[in-house]
């Protein structure tokens, strides 16, 4: 948890996922915001910096609940 995901191209950019499980190639992102998509910059970076991990967005039921992002 709380491990930096650094840009593999060496730009110095990084992201810190809420929970990252590298062995399972899975990232959990907890939020109370409106929905996040594969076009959200944070999600693009999570995917690129992790080497292709899948992403689960965890939200309260009142906001529509949790969902996974599917990348093309």
PDB file of N, CA and C in Angstrom:
ATOM      1  N   UNK A   1       0.842  -1.181   0.000  1.00  0.00           N
ATOM      2  CA  UNK A   1       0.000   0.000   0.000  1.00  0.00           C
ATOM      3  C   UNK A   1       0.883   1.238   0.000  1.00  0.00           C
ATOM      4  N   UNK A   2       0.333   2.303  -0.552  1.00  0.00           N
ATOM      5  CA  UNK A   2       0.999   3.595  -0.585  1.00  0.00           C
ATOM      6  C   UNK A   2       2.390   3.548  -1.201  1.00  0.00           C
ATOM      7  N   UNK A   3       2.572   2.717  -2.204  1.00  0.00           N
ATOM      8  CA  UNK A   3       3.841   2.676  -2.921  1.00  0.00           C
ATOM      9  C   UNK A   3       3.716   3.523  -4.170  1.00  0.00           C
ATOM     10  N   UNK A   4       4.749   4.260  -4.432  1.00  0.00           N
ATOM     11  CA  UNK A   4       4.756   5.111  -5.613  1.00  0.00           C
ATOM     12  C   UNK A   4       4.745   4.279  -6.889  1.00  0.00           C
ATOM     13  N   UNK A   5       4.002   4.738  -7.870  1.00  0.00           N
ATOM     14  CA  UNK A   5       4.087   4.214  -9.222  1.00  0.00           C
ATOM     15  C   UNK A   5       4.787   5.308 -10.010  1.00  0.00           C
ATOM     16  N   UNK A   6       5.978   5.035 -10.480  1.00  0.00           N
ATOM     17  CA  UNK A   6       6.760   6.047 -11.192  1.00  0.00           C
ATOM     18  C   UNK A   6       6.686   5.814 -12.696  1.00  0.00           C
ATOM     19  N   UNK A   7       6.733   6.921 -13.425  1.00  0.00           N
ATOM     20  CA  UNK A   7       6.705   6.863 -14.880  1.00  0.00           C
ATOM     21  C   UNK A   7       7.920   6.079 -15.369  1.00  0.00           C
ATOM     22  N   UNK A   8       7.697   4.965 -16.060  1.00  0.00           N
ATOM     23  CA  UNK A   8       8.829   4.154 -16.522  1.00  0.00           C
ATOM     24  C   UNK A   8       9.660   4.845 -17.602  1.00  0.00           C
ATOM     25  N   UNK A   9       9.144   5.953 -18.164  1.00  0.00           N
ATOM     26  CA  UNK A   9       9.903   6.687 -19.175  1.00  0.00           C
ATOM     27  C   UNK A   9      10.880   7.686 -18.556  1.00  0.00           C
ATOM     28  N   UNK A  10      10.839   7.801 -17.218  1.00  0.00           N
ATOM     29  CA  UNK A  10      11.808   8.639 -16.516  1.00  0.00           C
ATOM     30  C   UNK A  10      11.468  10.119 -16.466  1.00  0.00           C
ATOM     31  N   UNK A  11      10.209  10.476 -16.651  1.00  0.00           N
ATOM     32  CA  UNK A  11       9.812  11.890 -16.630  1.00  0.00           C
ATOM     33  C   UNK A  11       9.843  12.479 -15.221  1.00  0.00           C
ATOM     34  N   UNK A  12       9.859  11.631 -14.213  1.00  0.00           N
ATOM     35  CA  UNK A  12       9.774  12.087 -12.833  1.00  0.00           C
ATOM     36  C   UNK A  12       8.349  12.098 -12.310  1.00  0.00           C
ATOM     37  N   UNK A  13       7.369  11.887 -13.193  1.00  0.00           N
ATOM     38  CA  UNK A  13       5.964  11.841 -12.782  1.00  0.00           C
ATOM     39  C   UNK A  13       5.708  10.569 -11.975  1.00  0.00           C
ATOM     40  N   UNK A  14       4.748  10.668 -11.061  1.00  0.00           N
ATOM     41  CA  UNK A  14       4.381   9.497 -10.261  1.00  0.00           C
ATOM     42  C   UNK A  14       2.939   9.604  -9.809  1.00  0.00           C
ATOM     43  N   UNK A  15       2.389   8.491  -9.388  1.00  0.00           N
ATOM     44  CA  UNK A  15       1.066   8.404  -8.769  1.00  0.00           C
ATOM     45  C   UNK A  15       1.179   7.477  -7.577  1.00  0.00           C
ATOM     46  N   UNK A  16       0.289   7.684  -6.601  1.00  0.00           N
ATOM     47  CA  UNK A  16       0.248   6.820  -5.429  1.00  0.00           C
ATOM     48  C   UNK A  16      -1.161   6.234  -5.331  1.00  0.00           C
ATOM     49  N   UNK A  17      -1.332   4.964  -5.702  1.00  0.00           N
ATOM     50  CA  UNK A  17      -2.667   4.360  -5.596  1.00  0.00           C
ATOM     51  C   UNK A  17      -3.036   4.131  -4.136  1.00  0.00           C
ATOM     52  N   UNK A  18      -4.340   4.094  -3.864  1.00  0.00           N
ATOM     53  CA  UNK A  18      -4.786   3.807  -2.504  1.00  0.00           C
ATOM     54  C   UNK A  18      -4.324   2.419  -2.086  1.00  0.00           C
ATOM     55  N   UNK A  19      -4.575   1.444  -2.938  1.00  0.00           N
ATOM     56  CA  UNK A  19      -4.100   0.078  -2.698  1.00  0.00           C
ATOM     57  C   UNK A  19      -3.618  -0.485  -4.026  1.00  0.00           C
ATOM     58  N   UNK A  20      -2.407  -0.954  -4.048  1.00  0.00           N
ATOM     59  CA  UNK A  20      -1.866  -1.603  -5.237  1.00  0.00           C
ATOM     60  C   UNK A  20      -1.373  -2.991  -4.869  1.00  0.00           C
ATOM     61  N   UNK A  21      -1.754  -3.973  -5.643  1.00  0.00           N
ATOM     62  CA  UNK A  21      -1.325  -5.346  -5.401  1.00  0.00           C
ATOM     63  C   UNK A  21      -0.573  -5.809  -6.654  1.00  0.00           C
ATOM     64  N   UNK A  22       0.735  -5.539  -6.716  1.00  0.00           N
ATOM     65  CA  UNK A  22       1.501  -5.827  -7.925  1.00  0.00           C
ATOM     66  C   UNK A  22       1.420  -7.280  -8.387  1.00  0.00           C
ATOM     67  N   UNK A  23       1.475  -8.230  -7.465  1.00  0.00           N
ATOM     68  CA  UNK A  23       1.432  -9.641  -7.835  1.00  0.00           C
ATOM     69  C   UNK A  23       0.130 -10.036  -8.508  1.00  0.00           C
ATOM     70  N   UNK A  24      -0.928  -9.301  -8.216  1.00  0.00           N
ATOM     71  CA  UNK A  24      -2.231  -9.570  -8.817  1.00  0.00           C
ATOM     72  C   UNK A  24      -2.539  -8.598  -9.953  1.00  0.00           C
ATOM     73  N   UNK A  25      -1.630  -7.656 -10.180  1.00  0.00           N
ATOM     74  CA  UNK A  25      -1.829  -6.615 -11.204  1.00  0.00           C
ATOM     75  C   UNK A  25      -3.188  -5.942 -11.005  1.00  0.00           C
ATOM     76  N   UNK A  26      -3.394  -5.439  -9.783  1.00  0.00           N
ATOM     77  CA  UNK A  26      -4.677  -4.859  -9.416  1.00  0.00           C
ATOM     78  C   UNK A  26      -4.457  -3.597  -8.591  1.00  0.00           C
ATOM     79  N   UNK A  27      -5.207  -2.547  -8.911  1.00  0.00           N
ATOM     80  CA  UNK A  27      -5.175  -1.290  -8.175  1.00  0.00           C
ATOM     81  C   UNK A  27      -6.599  -0.978  -7.720  1.00  0.00           C
ATOM     82  N   UNK A  28      -6.748  -0.575  -6.454  1.00  0.00           N
ATOM     83  CA  UNK A  28      -8.023  -0.125  -5.923  1.00  0.00           C
ATOM     84  C   UNK A  28      -7.923   1.373  -5.671  1.00  0.00           C
ATOM     85  N   UNK A  29      -8.905   2.113  -6.163  1.00  0.00           N
ATOM     86  CA  UNK A  29      -8.940   3.555  -5.970  1.00  0.00           C
ATOM     87  C   UNK A  29     -10.246   3.923  -5.290  1.00  0.00           C
ATOM     88  N   UNK A  30     -10.157   4.363  -4.045  1.00  0.00           N
ATOM     89  CA  UNK A  30     -11.350   4.778  -3.312  1.00  0.00           C
ATOM     90  C   UNK A  30     -11.642   6.244  -3.594  1.00  0.00           C
ATOM     91  N   UNK A  31     -12.906   6.567  -3.822  1.00  0.00           N
ATOM     92  CA  UNK A  31     -13.271   7.945  -4.150  1.00  0.00           C
ATOM     93  C   UNK A  31     -14.698   8.251  -3.741  1.00  0.00           C
ATOM     94  N   UNK A  32     -14.970   9.524  -3.527  1.00  0.00           N
ATOM     95  CA  UNK A  32     -16.342   9.978  -3.324  1.00  0.00           C
ATOM     96  C   UNK A  32     -16.719  10.946  -4.445  1.00  0.00           C
ATOM     97  N   UNK A  33     -15.899  10.988  -5.485  1.00  0.00           N
ATOM     98  CA  UNK A  33     -16.184  11.868  -6.623  1.00  0.00           C
ATOM     99  C   UNK A  33     -17.141  11.189  -7.596  1.00  0.00           C
ATOM    100  N   UNK A  34     -17.504  11.938  -8.617  1.00  0.00           N
ATOM    101  CA  UNK A  34     -18.308  11.341  -9.681  1.00  0.00           C
ATOM    102  C   UNK A  34     -17.462  10.265 -10.354  1.00  0.00           C
ATOM    103  N   UNK A  35     -18.015   9.595 -11.307  1.00  0.00           N
ATOM    104  CA  UNK A  35     -17.327   8.446 -11.893  1.00  0.00           C
ATOM    105  C   UNK A  35     -16.006   8.833 -12.553  1.00  0.00           C
ATOM    106  N   UNK A  36     -15.075   7.910 -12.521  1.00  0.00           N
ATOM    107  CA  UNK A  36     -13.799   8.048 -13.206  1.00  0.00           C
ATOM    108  C   UNK A  36     -13.825   7.084 -14.390  1.00  0.00           C
ATOM    109  N   UNK A  37     -13.179   7.478 -15.465  1.00  0.00           N
ATOM    110  CA  UNK A  37     -13.195   6.663 -16.683  1.00  0.00           C
ATOM    111  C   UNK A  37     -11.771   6.354 -17.117  1.00  0.00           C
ATOM    112  N   UNK A  38     -11.655   5.585 -18.196  1.00  0.00           N
ATOM    113  CA  UNK A  38     -10.322   5.279 -18.726  1.00  0.00           C
ATOM    114  C   UNK A  38      -9.661   6.519 -19.306  1.00  0.00           C
ATOM    115  N   UNK A  39     -10.428   7.608 -19.478  1.00  0.00           N
ATOM    116  CA  UNK A  39      -9.881   8.857 -20.001  1.00  0.00           C
ATOM    117  C   UNK A  39      -9.455   9.826 -18.894  1.00  0.00           C
ATOM    118  N   UNK A  40      -9.694   9.465 -17.629  1.00  0.00           N
ATOM    119  CA  UNK A  40      -9.285  10.300 -16.509  1.00  0.00           C
ATOM    120  C   UNK A  40      -7.765  10.222 -16.378  1.00  0.00           C
ATOM    121  N   UNK A  41      -7.071  11.374 -16.333  1.00  0.00           N
ATOM    122  CA  UNK A  41      -5.603  11.344 -16.274  1.00  0.00           C
ATOM    123  C   UNK A  41      -5.020  10.437 -15.184  1.00  0.00           C
ATOM    124  N   UNK A  42      -5.619  10.436 -14.007  1.00  0.00           N
ATOM    125  CA  UNK A  42      -5.126   9.575 -12.930  1.00  0.00           C
ATOM    126  C   UNK A  42      -5.199   8.102 -13.331  1.00  0.00           C
ATOM    127  N   UNK A  43      -6.291   7.702 -13.963  1.00  0.00           N
ATOM    128  CA  UNK A  43      -6.448   6.299 -14.358  1.00  0.00           C
ATOM    129  C   UNK A  43      -5.495   5.938 -15.498  1.00  0.00           C
ATOM    130  N   UNK A  44      -5.288   6.852 -16.427  1.00  0.00           N
ATOM    131  CA  UNK A  44      -4.325   6.635 -17.512  1.00  0.00           C
ATOM    132  C   UNK A  44      -2.940   6.384 -16.921  1.00  0.00           C
ATOM    133  N   UNK A  45      -2.556   7.228 -15.963  1.00  0.00           N
ATOM    134  CA  UNK A  45      -1.236   7.084 -15.332  1.00  0.00           C
ATOM    135  C   UNK A  45      -1.136   5.795 -14.514  1.00  0.00           C
ATOM    136  N   UNK A  46      -2.170   5.473 -13.746  1.00  0.00           N
ATOM    137  CA  UNK A  46      -2.142   4.220 -12.986  1.00  0.00           C
ATOM    138  C   UNK A  46      -1.850   3.054 -13.921  1.00  0.00           C
ATOM    139  N   UNK A  47      -2.561   2.997 -15.011  1.00  0.00           N
ATOM    140  CA  UNK A  47      -2.411   1.902 -15.965  1.00  0.00           C
ATOM    141  C   UNK A  47      -1.005   1.890 -16.573  1.00  0.00           C
ATOM    142  N   UNK A  48      -0.547   3.050 -17.030  1.00  0.00           N
ATOM    143  CA  UNK A  48       0.762   3.133 -17.696  1.00  0.00           C
ATOM    144  C   UNK A  48       1.919   2.892 -16.731  1.00  0.00           C
ATOM    145  N   UNK A  49       1.860   3.490 -15.556  1.00  0.00           N
ATOM    146  CA  UNK A  49       2.972   3.405 -14.612  1.00  0.00           C
ATOM    147  C   UNK A  49       3.059   2.050 -13.928  1.00  0.00           C
ATOM    148  N   UNK A  50       1.957   1.297 -13.907  1.00  0.00           N
ATOM    149  CA  UNK A  50       1.950  -0.013 -13.238  1.00  0.00           C
ATOM    150  C   UNK A  50       2.278  -1.149 -14.197  1.00  0.00           C
ATOM    151  N   UNK A  51       2.374  -0.854 -15.469  1.00  0.00           N
ATOM    152  CA  UNK A  51       2.635  -1.900 -16.442  1.00  0.00           C
ATOM    153  C   UNK A  51       1.378  -2.630 -16.888  1.00  0.00           C
ATOM    154  N   UNK A  52       0.220  -2.020 -16.669  1.00  0.00           N
ATOM    155  CA  UNK A  52      -1.016  -2.609 -17.170  1.00  0.00           C
ATOM    156  C   UNK A  52      -1.946  -3.202 -16.129  1.00  0.00           C
ATOM    157  N   UNK A  53      -1.855  -2.772 -14.886  1.00  0.00           N
ATOM    158  CA  UNK A  53      -2.756  -3.298 -13.853  1.00  0.00           C
ATOM    159  C   UNK A  53      -4.206  -2.940 -14.147  1.00  0.00           C
ATOM    160  N   UNK A  54      -5.106  -3.801 -13.701  1.00  0.00           N
ATOM    161  CA  UNK A  54      -6.532  -3.509 -13.765  1.00  0.00           C
ATOM    162  C   UNK A  54      -6.877  -2.589 -12.602  1.00  0.00           C
ATOM    163  N   UNK A  55      -7.941  -1.809 -12.776  1.00  0.00           N
ATOM    164  CA  UNK A  55      -8.292  -0.803 -11.770  1.00  0.00           C
ATOM    165  C   UNK A  55      -9.739  -0.997 -11.331  1.00  0.00           C
ATOM    166  N   UNK A  56      -9.926  -1.028 -10.019  1.00  0.00           N
ATOM    167  CA  UNK A  56     -11.257  -1.097  -9.420  1.00  0.00           C
ATOM    168  C   UNK A  56     -11.501   0.228  -8.713  1.00  0.00           C
ATOM    169  N   UNK A  57     -12.584   0.906  -9.080  1.00  0.00           N
ATOM    170  CA  UNK A  57     -12.984   2.153  -8.431  1.00  0.00           C
ATOM    171  C   UNK A  57     -13.970   1.781  -7.332  1.00  0.00           C
ATOM    172  N   UNK A  58     -13.667   2.178  -6.101  1.00  0.00           N
ATOM    173  CA  UNK A  58     -14.513   1.852  -4.950  1.00  0.00           C
ATOM    174  C   UNK A  58     -15.209   3.143  -4.513  1.00  0.00           C
ATOM    175  N   UNK A  59     -16.555   3.134  -4.606  1.00  0.00           N
ATOM    176  CA  UNK A  59     -17.366   4.298  -4.227  1.00  0.00           C
ATOM    177  C   UNK A  59     -18.515   3.859  -3.343  1.00  0.00           C
ATOM    178  N   UNK A  60     -19.050   4.787  -2.549  1.00  0.00           N
ATOM    179  CA  UNK A  60     -20.224   4.459  -1.747  1.00  0.00           C
ATOM    180  C   UNK A  60     -21.408   4.066  -2.639  1.00  0.00           C
ATOM    181  N   UNK A  61     -22.261   3.224  -2.123  1.00  0.00           N
ATOM    182  CA  UNK A  61     -23.449   2.784  -2.845  1.00  0.00           C
ATOM    183  C   UNK A  61     -24.295   3.981  -3.284  1.00  0.00           C
ATOM    184  N   UNK A  62     -24.368   5.000  -2.459  1.00  0.00           N
ATOM    185  CA  UNK A  62     -25.173   6.183  -2.778  1.00  0.00           C
ATOM    186  C   UNK A  62     -24.683   6.889  -4.044  1.00  0.00           C
ATOM    187  N   UNK A  63     -23.439   6.687  -4.407  1.00  0.00           N
ATOM    188  CA  UNK A  63     -22.882   7.309  -5.614  1.00  0.00           C
ATOM    189  C   UNK A  63     -22.852   6.349  -6.796  1.00  0.00           C
ATOM    190  N   UNK A  64     -23.453   5.189  -6.630  1.00  0.00           N
ATOM    191  CA  UNK A  64     -23.505   4.235  -7.728  1.00  0.00           C
ATOM    192  C   UNK A  64     -22.696   2.977  -7.478  1.00  0.00           C
ATOM    193  N   UNK A  65     -21.941   2.936  -6.395  1.00  0.00           N
ATOM    194  CA  UNK A  65     -21.194   1.744  -6.041  1.00  0.00           C
ATOM    195  C   UNK A  65     -19.873   1.600  -6.788  1.00  0.00           C
ATOM    196  N   UNK A  66     -19.242   0.481  -6.572  1.00  0.00           N
ATOM    197  CA  UNK A  66     -17.930   0.201  -7.141  1.00  0.00           C
ATOM    198  C   UNK A  66     -18.050  -0.347  -8.556  1.00  0.00           C
ATOM    199  N   UNK A  67     -16.963  -0.189  -9.318  1.00  0.00           N
ATOM    200  CA  UNK A  67     -16.926  -0.708 -10.690  1.00  0.00           C
ATOM    201  C   UNK A  67     -15.484  -0.855 -11.142  1.00  0.00           C
ATOM    202  N   UNK A  68     -15.277  -1.642 -12.164  1.00  0.00           N
ATOM    203  CA  UNK A  68     -13.952  -1.852 -12.731  1.00  0.00           C
ATOM    204  C   UNK A  68     -13.807  -1.116 -14.051  1.00  0.00           C
ATOM    205  N   UNK A  69     -12.580  -0.751 -14.378  1.00  0.00           N
ATOM    206  CA  UNK A  69     -12.309  -0.106 -15.654  1.00  0.00           C
ATOM    207  C   UNK A  69     -11.749  -1.124 -16.634  1.00  0.00           C
ATOM    208  N   UNK A  70     -12.256  -1.093 -17.845  1.00  0.00           N
ATOM    209  CA  UNK A  70     -11.804  -1.995 -18.901  1.00  0.00           C
ATOM    210  C   UNK A  70     -11.087  -1.151 -19.930  1.00  0.00           C
ATOM    211  N   UNK A  71      -9.837  -1.460 -20.170  1.00  0.00           N
ATOM    212  CA  UNK A  71      -9.032  -0.727 -21.130  1.00  0.00           C
ATOM    213  C   UNK A  71      -9.009  -1.461 -22.468  1.00  0.00           C
ATOM    214  N   UNK A  72      -9.020  -0.701 -23.565  1.00  0.00           N
ATOM    215  CA  UNK A  72      -8.989  -1.340 -24.888  1.00  0.00           C
ATOM    216  C   UNK A  72      -7.666  -2.037 -25.149  1.00  0.00           C
TER     217      UNK A  72
END
